[in-house]
Amino acid sequence: ILAMDINRENYQLGLPVIQKAGVAHKIDFREGPALPLLDQLIED
């Protein structure tokens, strides 16, 4: 799962729930504006 947000605090807020569910290893968090991050994914 790719999670993107301009603010890491939002991810940190939900992280305990993600960890409790045992799926933290499935989350790829990227911090920043979504469009440049998506452009970077396309280039890679």
C-alpha atoms as a PDB file:
ATOM      1  CA  ILE A   1       0.000   0.000   0.000  1.00  0.00           C
ATOM      2  CA  LEU A   2       1.365   3.378  -0.954  1.00  0.00           C
ATOM      3  CA  ALA A   3       0.359   6.102   1.483  1.00  0.00           C
ATOM      4  CA  MET A   4       1.109   9.729   0.655  1.00  0.00           C
ATOM      5  CA  ASP A   5       0.571  12.811   2.762  1.00  0.00           C
ATOM      6  CA  ILE A   6       2.111  16.226   2.947  1.00  0.00           C
ATOM      7  CA  ASN A   7       2.272  15.891   6.723  1.00  0.00           C
ATOM      8  CA  ARG A   8       3.947  12.936   8.464  1.00  0.00           C
ATOM      9  CA  GLU A   9       1.935  13.653  11.631  1.00  0.00           C
ATOM     10  CA  ASN A  10      -1.183  12.207   9.990  1.00  0.00           C
ATOM     11  CA  TYR A  11       0.640   8.951   9.294  1.00  0.00           C
ATOM     12  CA  GLN A  12       2.077   8.860  12.817  1.00  0.00           C
ATOM     13  CA  LEU A  13      -1.441   9.307  14.208  1.00  0.00           C
ATOM     14  CA  GLY A  14      -2.657   6.128  12.502  1.00  0.00           C
ATOM     15  CA  LEU A  15       0.552   4.135  12.921  1.00  0.00           C
ATOM     16  CA  PRO A  16      -0.452   2.433  16.207  1.00  0.00           C
ATOM     17  CA  VAL A  17      -3.569   1.050  14.523  1.00  0.00           C
ATOM     18  CA  ILE A  18      -1.548  -0.086  11.510  1.00  0.00           C
ATOM     19  CA  GLN A  19       0.965  -1.820  13.782  1.00  0.00           C
ATOM     20  CA  LYS A  20      -1.754  -3.441  15.888  1.00  0.00           C
ATOM     21  CA  ALA A  21      -3.295  -4.854  12.711  1.00  0.00           C
ATOM     22  CA  GLY A  22       0.101  -6.316  11.791  1.00  0.00           C
ATOM     23  CA  VAL A  23       0.290  -4.634   8.402  1.00  0.00           C
ATOM     24  CA  ALA A  24       2.977  -1.985   8.982  1.00  0.00           C
ATOM     25  CA  HIS A  25       5.355  -3.932   6.732  1.00  0.00           C
ATOM     26  CA  LYS A  26       2.899  -3.478   3.853  1.00  0.00           C
ATOM     27  CA  ILE A  27       2.760   0.324   4.050  1.00  0.00           C
ATOM     28  CA  ASP A  28       5.105   2.463   1.970  1.00  0.00           C
ATOM     29  CA  PHE A  29       4.677   5.998   3.319  1.00  0.00           C
ATOM     30  CA  ARG A  30       5.873   8.931   1.235  1.00  0.00           C
ATOM     31  CA  GLU A  31       5.846  12.443   2.666  1.00  0.00           C
ATOM     32  CA  GLY A  32       5.230  15.369   0.338  1.00  0.00           C
ATOM     33  CA  PRO A  33       2.875  16.665  -2.337  1.00  0.00           C
ATOM     34  CA  ALA A  34       1.270  13.762  -4.202  1.00  0.00           C
ATOM     35  CA  LEU A  35       1.846  14.863  -7.803  1.00  0.00           C
ATOM     36  CA  PRO A  36       5.657  15.105  -7.619  1.00  0.00           C
ATOM     37  CA  LEU A  37       5.754  11.819  -5.685  1.00  0.00           C
ATOM     38  CA  LEU A  38       3.645  10.109  -8.346  1.00  0.00           C
ATOM     39  CA  ASP A  39       5.835  11.550 -11.108  1.00  0.00           C
ATOM     40  CA  GLN A  40       8.867  10.117  -9.316  1.00  0.00           C
ATOM     41  CA  LEU A  41       7.200   6.686  -9.130  1.00  0.00           C
ATOM     42  CA  ILE A  42       6.581   6.764 -12.875  1.00  0.00           C
ATOM     43  CA  GLU A  43      10.230   7.632 -13.540  1.00  0.00           C
ATOM     44  CA  ASP A  44      11.445   4.776 -11.338  1.00  0.00           C
END
